[in-house]
N, C-alpha and C. Protein backbone atom coordinates (compact mmCIF):
# COMPACT_ATOMS: atom_id res chain seq x y z
N MET A 1 111.29 78.17 24.35
CA MET A 1 110.71 77.46 25.46
C MET A 1 109.56 76.59 24.94
N LYS A 2 109.61 75.32 25.27
CA LYS A 2 108.55 74.42 24.86
C LYS A 2 107.55 74.30 26.01
N LEU A 3 106.29 74.49 25.66
CA LEU A 3 105.22 74.43 26.66
C LEU A 3 104.28 73.30 26.27
N PRO A 4 104.09 72.31 27.15
CA PRO A 4 103.16 71.23 26.83
C PRO A 4 101.75 71.78 26.58
N PHE A 5 101.00 71.07 25.74
CA PHE A 5 99.69 71.55 25.33
C PHE A 5 98.75 71.76 26.51
N ASP A 6 98.75 70.83 27.48
CA ASP A 6 97.85 70.99 28.63
C ASP A 6 98.22 72.20 29.46
N ARG A 7 99.49 72.50 29.57
CA ARG A 7 99.91 73.70 30.31
C ARG A 7 99.52 74.97 29.54
N PHE A 8 99.60 74.90 28.20
CA PHE A 8 99.18 76.03 27.37
C PHE A 8 97.70 76.31 27.59
N LEU A 9 96.88 75.25 27.63
CA LEU A 9 95.45 75.44 27.86
C LEU A 9 95.18 76.04 29.24
N ASN A 10 95.98 75.65 30.23
CA ASN A 10 95.85 76.26 31.55
C ASN A 10 96.14 77.75 31.49
N LEU A 11 97.12 78.14 30.70
CA LEU A 11 97.46 79.55 30.54
C LEU A 11 96.33 80.30 29.84
N VAL A 12 95.77 79.70 28.82
CA VAL A 12 94.64 80.32 28.12
C VAL A 12 93.46 80.50 29.07
N TYR A 13 93.18 79.47 29.87
CA TYR A 13 92.08 79.56 30.85
C TYR A 13 92.35 80.67 31.86
N PHE A 14 93.60 80.78 32.30
CA PHE A 14 93.94 81.83 33.26
C PHE A 14 93.65 83.21 32.68
N TYR A 15 94.11 83.45 31.44
CA TYR A 15 93.88 84.76 30.83
C TYR A 15 92.41 85.00 30.52
N ALA A 16 91.66 83.94 30.22
CA ALA A 16 90.23 84.09 29.93
C ALA A 16 89.45 84.45 31.19
N THR A 17 89.92 84.00 32.34
CA THR A 17 89.17 84.24 33.58
C THR A 17 89.86 85.23 34.51
N ASP A 18 90.96 85.81 34.06
CA ASP A 18 91.69 86.76 34.90
C ASP A 18 90.82 87.99 35.17
N ASP A 19 90.82 88.47 36.36
CA ASP A 19 90.05 89.65 36.80
C ASP A 19 88.54 89.46 36.67
N ALA A 20 88.07 88.24 36.73
CA ALA A 20 86.63 87.97 36.66
C ALA A 20 86.13 87.62 38.05
N GLU A 21 84.89 87.97 38.29
CA GLU A 21 84.25 87.59 39.55
C GLU A 21 83.99 86.09 39.55
N GLN A 22 83.79 85.51 40.72
CA GLN A 22 83.58 84.07 40.81
C GLN A 22 82.34 83.62 40.05
N ALA A 23 81.28 84.42 40.08
CA ALA A 23 80.06 84.07 39.34
C ALA A 23 80.33 84.01 37.84
N GLU A 24 81.14 84.94 37.33
CA GLU A 24 81.49 84.94 35.91
C GLU A 24 82.35 83.73 35.57
N LYS A 25 83.26 83.37 36.47
CA LYS A 25 84.09 82.18 36.25
C LYS A 25 83.23 80.92 36.21
N ASP A 26 82.23 80.85 37.07
CA ASP A 26 81.34 79.70 37.09
C ASP A 26 80.55 79.60 35.78
N LYS A 27 80.05 80.73 35.27
CA LYS A 27 79.34 80.74 34.00
C LYS A 27 80.25 80.32 32.87
N PHE A 28 81.50 80.78 32.90
CA PHE A 28 82.48 80.41 31.87
C PHE A 28 82.74 78.91 31.91
N ASP A 29 82.90 78.34 33.10
CA ASP A 29 83.14 76.91 33.25
C ASP A 29 81.96 76.09 32.70
N ILE A 30 80.75 76.55 32.96
CA ILE A 30 79.57 75.84 32.48
C ILE A 30 79.53 75.88 30.96
N ARG A 31 79.76 77.05 30.37
CA ARG A 31 79.75 77.16 28.91
C ARG A 31 80.88 76.36 28.28
N LEU A 32 82.00 76.28 28.95
CA LEU A 32 83.16 75.56 28.42
C LEU A 32 82.93 74.06 28.40
N ASN A 33 82.19 73.54 29.37
CA ASN A 33 82.05 72.10 29.53
C ASN A 33 80.72 71.52 29.10
N LYS A 34 79.82 72.33 28.58
CA LYS A 34 78.51 71.79 28.22
C LYS A 34 78.55 71.18 26.81
N PRO A 35 77.67 70.22 26.53
CA PRO A 35 77.64 69.58 25.22
C PRO A 35 77.03 70.50 24.17
N ASP A 36 77.18 70.14 22.92
CA ASP A 36 76.62 70.91 21.82
C ASP A 36 75.11 70.69 21.76
N VAL A 37 74.36 71.62 22.29
CA VAL A 37 72.90 71.48 22.41
C VAL A 37 72.24 71.45 21.05
N ALA A 38 72.73 72.23 20.09
CA ALA A 38 72.12 72.28 18.76
C ALA A 38 72.21 70.91 18.08
N ALA A 39 73.34 70.24 18.21
CA ALA A 39 73.50 68.92 17.60
C ALA A 39 72.60 67.89 18.27
N ILE A 40 72.44 67.99 19.57
CA ILE A 40 71.58 67.06 20.29
C ILE A 40 70.12 67.25 19.88
N LYS A 41 69.68 68.51 19.76
CA LYS A 41 68.30 68.79 19.35
C LYS A 41 68.04 68.34 17.92
N ALA A 42 69.05 68.40 17.07
CA ALA A 42 68.89 67.99 15.68
C ALA A 42 68.96 66.48 15.53
N GLY A 43 69.19 65.77 16.64
CA GLY A 43 69.28 64.32 16.59
C GLY A 43 70.63 63.83 16.11
N LYS A 44 71.58 64.73 16.07
CA LYS A 44 72.93 64.38 15.63
C LYS A 44 73.89 64.46 16.81
N ALA A 45 73.51 63.84 17.90
CA ALA A 45 74.38 63.85 19.08
C ALA A 45 75.73 63.26 18.71
N ALA A 46 76.73 63.79 19.30
CA ALA A 46 78.09 63.37 18.97
C ALA A 46 78.26 61.87 19.14
N ALA A 47 78.79 61.23 18.11
CA ALA A 47 79.04 59.80 18.18
C ALA A 47 80.33 59.51 18.93
N ARG A 48 81.14 60.52 19.07
CA ARG A 48 82.38 60.36 19.83
C ARG A 48 82.60 61.65 20.61
N GLY A 49 83.50 61.60 21.53
CA GLY A 49 83.75 62.76 22.36
C GLY A 49 83.23 62.50 23.78
N PRO A 50 83.46 63.45 24.68
CA PRO A 50 83.12 63.23 26.08
C PRO A 50 81.62 63.15 26.36
N TRP A 51 80.77 63.61 25.43
CA TRP A 51 79.34 63.61 25.69
C TRP A 51 78.61 62.49 24.96
N SER A 52 79.34 61.63 24.27
CA SER A 52 78.68 60.53 23.57
C SER A 52 78.24 59.47 24.57
N ALA A 53 77.27 58.67 24.15
CA ALA A 53 76.76 57.61 25.03
C ALA A 53 77.85 56.60 25.34
N GLN A 54 78.69 56.29 24.34
CA GLN A 54 79.76 55.32 24.55
C GLN A 54 80.78 55.84 25.57
N ALA A 55 81.12 57.11 25.48
CA ALA A 55 82.09 57.68 26.42
C ALA A 55 81.53 57.68 27.85
N GLU A 56 80.26 57.99 27.99
CA GLU A 56 79.64 57.97 29.31
C GLU A 56 79.59 56.56 29.88
N THR A 57 79.28 55.58 29.03
CA THR A 57 79.26 54.19 29.47
C THR A 57 80.65 53.74 29.88
N ASN A 58 81.64 54.08 29.09
CA ASN A 58 83.02 53.71 29.42
C ASN A 58 83.46 54.35 30.74
N SER A 59 83.09 55.60 30.95
CA SER A 59 83.45 56.28 32.20
C SER A 59 82.79 55.61 33.40
N LEU A 60 81.53 55.25 33.25
CA LEU A 60 80.82 54.58 34.33
C LEU A 60 81.46 53.23 34.63
N ASN A 61 81.78 52.46 33.59
CA ASN A 61 82.41 51.16 33.79
C ASN A 61 83.77 51.31 34.45
N LEU A 62 84.53 52.32 34.08
CA LEU A 62 85.82 52.56 34.70
C LEU A 62 85.66 52.92 36.17
N PHE A 63 84.66 53.75 36.48
CA PHE A 63 84.39 54.12 37.86
C PHE A 63 84.02 52.90 38.70
N VAL A 64 83.15 52.05 38.16
CA VAL A 64 82.75 50.84 38.86
C VAL A 64 83.95 49.93 39.09
N ALA A 65 84.78 49.79 38.07
CA ALA A 65 85.96 48.92 38.19
C ALA A 65 86.93 49.46 39.24
N GLN A 66 87.09 50.78 39.31
CA GLN A 66 88.02 51.37 40.26
C GLN A 66 87.51 51.30 41.69
N THR A 67 86.20 51.41 41.85
CA THR A 67 85.66 51.44 43.21
C THR A 67 85.34 50.07 43.76
N THR A 68 84.99 49.12 42.91
CA THR A 68 84.62 47.80 43.40
C THR A 68 85.61 46.71 43.04
N GLY A 69 86.44 46.96 42.07
CA GLY A 69 87.38 45.94 41.62
C GLY A 69 86.75 44.97 40.65
N LYS A 70 85.50 45.21 40.28
CA LYS A 70 84.78 44.34 39.35
C LYS A 70 84.62 45.06 38.02
N VAL A 71 84.75 44.32 36.94
CA VAL A 71 84.61 44.91 35.61
C VAL A 71 83.24 44.57 35.06
N ASN A 72 82.51 45.58 34.60
CA ASN A 72 81.18 45.40 34.02
C ASN A 72 81.33 45.48 32.51
N ASP A 73 81.24 44.35 31.82
CA ASP A 73 81.44 44.33 30.37
C ASP A 73 80.15 44.47 29.57
N LYS A 74 79.06 44.77 30.20
CA LYS A 74 77.78 44.86 29.49
C LYS A 74 77.70 46.12 28.68
């Protein structure tokens, strides 16, 4: 059986949070999605990835383009 990678990650998440209280699931979600604090404090913030400045700028520009129909190229 071939399982797509995103579905596999959903299965891993299910087993990681199975039988957990909602508060524990919330803590797990926060830890899973937070940036690497040690790298940020060391001044080595990720140059790429979802927490980089470029990725945040691109996301904001995409949001603006989707909601207003205008593209911000700055």
